[in-house]
Amino acid sequence: MYMKNVKIVAVFAENKLGQMARITGVLADAGVNVRWVTIATTESFGVIKFLVDQSEIAYHKLKEQGFAVSLLDVLAIEVSDRPGGLYRVATVFYENKINVENSSGFVLEPGKRAVLLIEVKDIETAKEVLLRQKLKLLSEDDLLNV
C-alpha cells in the first residue's frame, strides 16, 4: 500500500529576538497555515519545524527570504491517547533496530487519538515494520483535514 509521505518544513535559524515572528510572518503572508510547530535551540542557533497545509509553498517562500530551509519526510503514526501509546511504537522500533532521530507529538482527540511525528533514516523500512505491527500511519491529508 503506497502512502504519500508526510512532509514538514525545517528552518535552521539564528536564535535571536523576533526570529519566530519573521519566519511565521513569511508563512502568514504566503497564506500558509501552521498546524504544529516544534523548536530545538542552542544558545545561538536552532531548528524550527512546522507541519503546514502547503509545505512546498512554505519551503519556497522561506527560501526566497534567505532562510536555510528544508523539507523532511516524517512518519505520522496514530496512537491511543493513553499511557503506553508511545511505548508501543518505541518498542516496535527497538525490536526492529530502527533508531528514532527526532520525534514529537500532539493530541487529535483527548483521551482517544494522538499523533507521533517521527524522523528515521530509512522511512520505507520503518513504514513496512509499523504496518506489519498493525499500527496506523497517517497521510498528510489525514493530518491536515482533522
Protein backbone atom coordinates (compact mmCIF):
# COMPACT_ATOMS: atom_id res chain seq x y z
CA MET A 1 0.00 0.00 0.00
CA TYR A 2 1.56 3.28 -1.11
CA MET A 3 1.02 6.26 1.11
CA LYS A 4 2.34 9.71 0.34
CA ASN A 5 4.92 10.75 2.91
CA VAL A 6 4.17 13.49 5.39
CA LYS A 7 6.46 16.47 4.90
CA ILE A 8 7.48 19.00 7.48
CA VAL A 9 9.32 22.25 6.90
CA ALA A 10 12.56 22.65 8.88
CA VAL A 11 14.16 26.08 9.26
CA PHE A 12 17.70 26.47 10.61
CA ALA A 13 17.83 29.93 12.13
CA GLU A 14 19.79 32.14 14.44
CA ASN A 15 18.36 32.16 17.98
CA LYS A 16 17.53 35.83 18.35
CA LEU A 17 14.67 38.08 19.32
CA GLY A 18 12.00 38.33 16.62
CA GLN A 19 13.17 35.37 14.54
CA MET A 20 9.98 33.37 15.11
CA ALA A 21 7.91 36.42 14.13
CA ARG A 22 9.93 36.87 10.91
CA ILE A 23 9.57 33.22 9.91
CA THR A 24 5.88 32.92 10.75
CA GLY A 25 5.27 36.27 9.06
CA VAL A 26 6.59 34.83 5.79
CA LEU A 27 4.25 31.87 6.20
CA ALA A 28 1.25 34.08 7.06
CA ASP A 29 1.90 36.38 4.08
CA ALA A 30 2.00 33.30 1.81
CA GLY A 31 -1.35 32.08 3.19
CA VAL A 32 0.26 29.00 4.77
CA ASN A 33 -1.49 27.62 7.85
CA VAL A 34 0.71 26.18 10.60
CA ARG A 35 -0.82 23.07 12.18
CA TRP A 36 2.05 22.12 14.52
CA VAL A 37 5.45 23.54 15.47
CA THR A 38 8.46 22.47 17.49
CA ILE A 39 11.66 24.35 18.29
CA ALA A 40 15.03 22.96 19.35
CA THR A 41 17.69 25.56 20.10
CA THR A 42 21.18 26.02 21.36
CA GLU A 43 22.46 29.33 22.64
CA SER A 44 23.00 30.75 19.14
CA PHE A 45 21.09 28.64 16.59
CA GLY A 46 18.10 26.39 16.39
CA VAL A 47 15.82 24.36 14.18
CA ILE A 48 12.15 25.21 13.92
CA LYS A 49 9.96 22.51 12.38
CA PHE A 50 6.47 23.10 11.07
CA LEU A 51 3.65 20.91 9.82
CA VAL A 52 1.80 23.20 7.42
CA ASP A 53 -1.03 22.90 4.95
CA GLN A 54 1.17 23.89 1.97
CA SER A 55 4.69 22.58 2.53
CA GLU A 56 6.04 23.32 -0.97
CA ILE A 57 4.85 26.94 -0.87
CA ALA A 58 6.24 27.37 2.65
CA TYR A 59 9.59 25.95 1.55
CA HIS A 60 9.88 28.23 -1.49
CA LYS A 61 8.72 31.41 0.28
CA LEU A 62 11.13 30.90 3.18
CA LYS A 63 13.97 30.12 0.75
CA GLU A 64 13.18 33.33 -1.20
CA GLN A 65 13.54 35.28 2.06
CA GLY A 66 17.01 33.83 2.67
CA PHE A 67 16.19 31.27 5.34
CA ALA A 68 18.07 27.95 5.47
CA VAL A 69 15.08 25.65 4.96
CA SER A 70 14.48 22.03 4.00
CA LEU A 71 11.57 19.64 3.57
CA LEU A 72 11.75 16.49 5.69
CA ASP A 73 9.80 13.27 5.28
CA VAL A 74 8.38 12.03 8.57
CA LEU A 75 6.17 9.22 9.75
CA ALA A 76 2.83 10.22 11.24
CA ILE A 77 1.66 7.41 13.48
CA GLU A 78 -1.73 7.42 15.14
CA VAL A 79 -1.64 6.11 18.70
CA SER A 80 -4.13 5.89 21.52
CA ASP A 81 -4.11 8.94 23.76
CA ARG A 82 -3.48 6.93 26.91
CA PRO A 83 -0.49 5.57 28.83
CA GLY A 84 1.57 3.18 26.70
CA GLY A 85 0.84 4.66 23.26
CA LEU A 86 4.37 5.96 22.76
CA TYR A 87 5.86 2.90 24.46
CA ARG A 88 4.27 0.58 21.88
CA VAL A 89 5.82 2.49 18.96
CA ALA A 90 9.20 2.82 20.71
CA THR A 91 9.25 -0.92 21.40
CA VAL A 92 8.44 -1.79 17.78
CA PHE A 93 11.32 0.41 16.60
CA TYR A 94 13.69 -1.02 19.20
CA GLU A 95 12.83 -4.65 18.37
CA ASN A 96 13.40 -3.92 14.66
CA LYS A 97 16.65 -2.00 15.24
CA ILE A 98 15.26 1.30 13.92
CA ASN A 99 16.67 4.38 15.62
CA VAL A 100 14.39 7.37 16.14
CA GLU A 101 16.25 10.51 15.05
CA ASN A 102 13.64 13.05 16.19
CA SER A 103 10.11 12.87 17.46
CA SER A 104 7.25 14.93 18.80
CA GLY A 105 3.55 14.55 19.02
CA PHE A 106 0.17 16.11 19.56
CA VAL A 107 -3.34 15.08 20.53
CA LEU A 108 -6.09 14.92 17.92
CA GLU A 109 -8.91 13.88 20.26
CA PRO A 110 -8.25 13.99 24.02
CA GLY A 111 -8.48 10.54 25.55
CA LYS A 112 -8.82 8.91 22.13
CA ARG A 113 -6.27 9.69 19.41
CA ALA A 114 -2.81 11.23 19.31
CA VAL A 115 -0.17 11.54 16.59
CA LEU A 116 3.55 10.90 16.79
CA LEU A 117 5.67 12.59 14.13
CA ILE A 118 8.87 10.59 13.86
CA GLU A 119 12.03 11.03 11.80
CA VAL A 120 14.07 7.93 10.95
CA LYS A 121 16.84 7.33 8.42
CA ASP A 122 15.04 4.62 6.41
CA ILE A 123 11.43 5.75 6.28
CA GLU A 124 10.27 2.99 3.89
CA THR A 125 11.56 0.17 6.10
CA ALA A 126 10.03 1.84 9.14
CA LYS A 127 6.67 2.08 7.34
CA GLU A 128 6.75 -1.63 6.50
CA VAL A 129 7.56 -2.54 10.10
CA LEU A 130 4.80 -0.35 11.51
CA LEU A 131 2.20 -1.69 9.09
CA ARG A 132 3.18 -5.28 9.92
CA GLN A 133 2.53 -4.44 13.57
CA LYS A 134 -0.91 -3.06 12.65
CA LEU A 135 -0.01 0.48 13.64
CA LYS A 136 -1.93 3.17 11.77
CA LEU A 137 0.08 5.51 9.56
CA LEU A 138 -1.49 8.81 8.62
CA SER A 139 -1.05 10.71 5.38
CA GLU A 140 -0.57 14.45 5.10
CA ASP A 141 -4.23 14.72 4.05
CA ASP A 142 -5.29 12.81 7.18
CA LEU A 143 -3.40 15.27 9.37
CA LEU A 144 -4.49 18.43 7.64
CA ASN A 145 -8.16 17.54 7.41
CA VAL A 146 -8.95 16.75 11.05
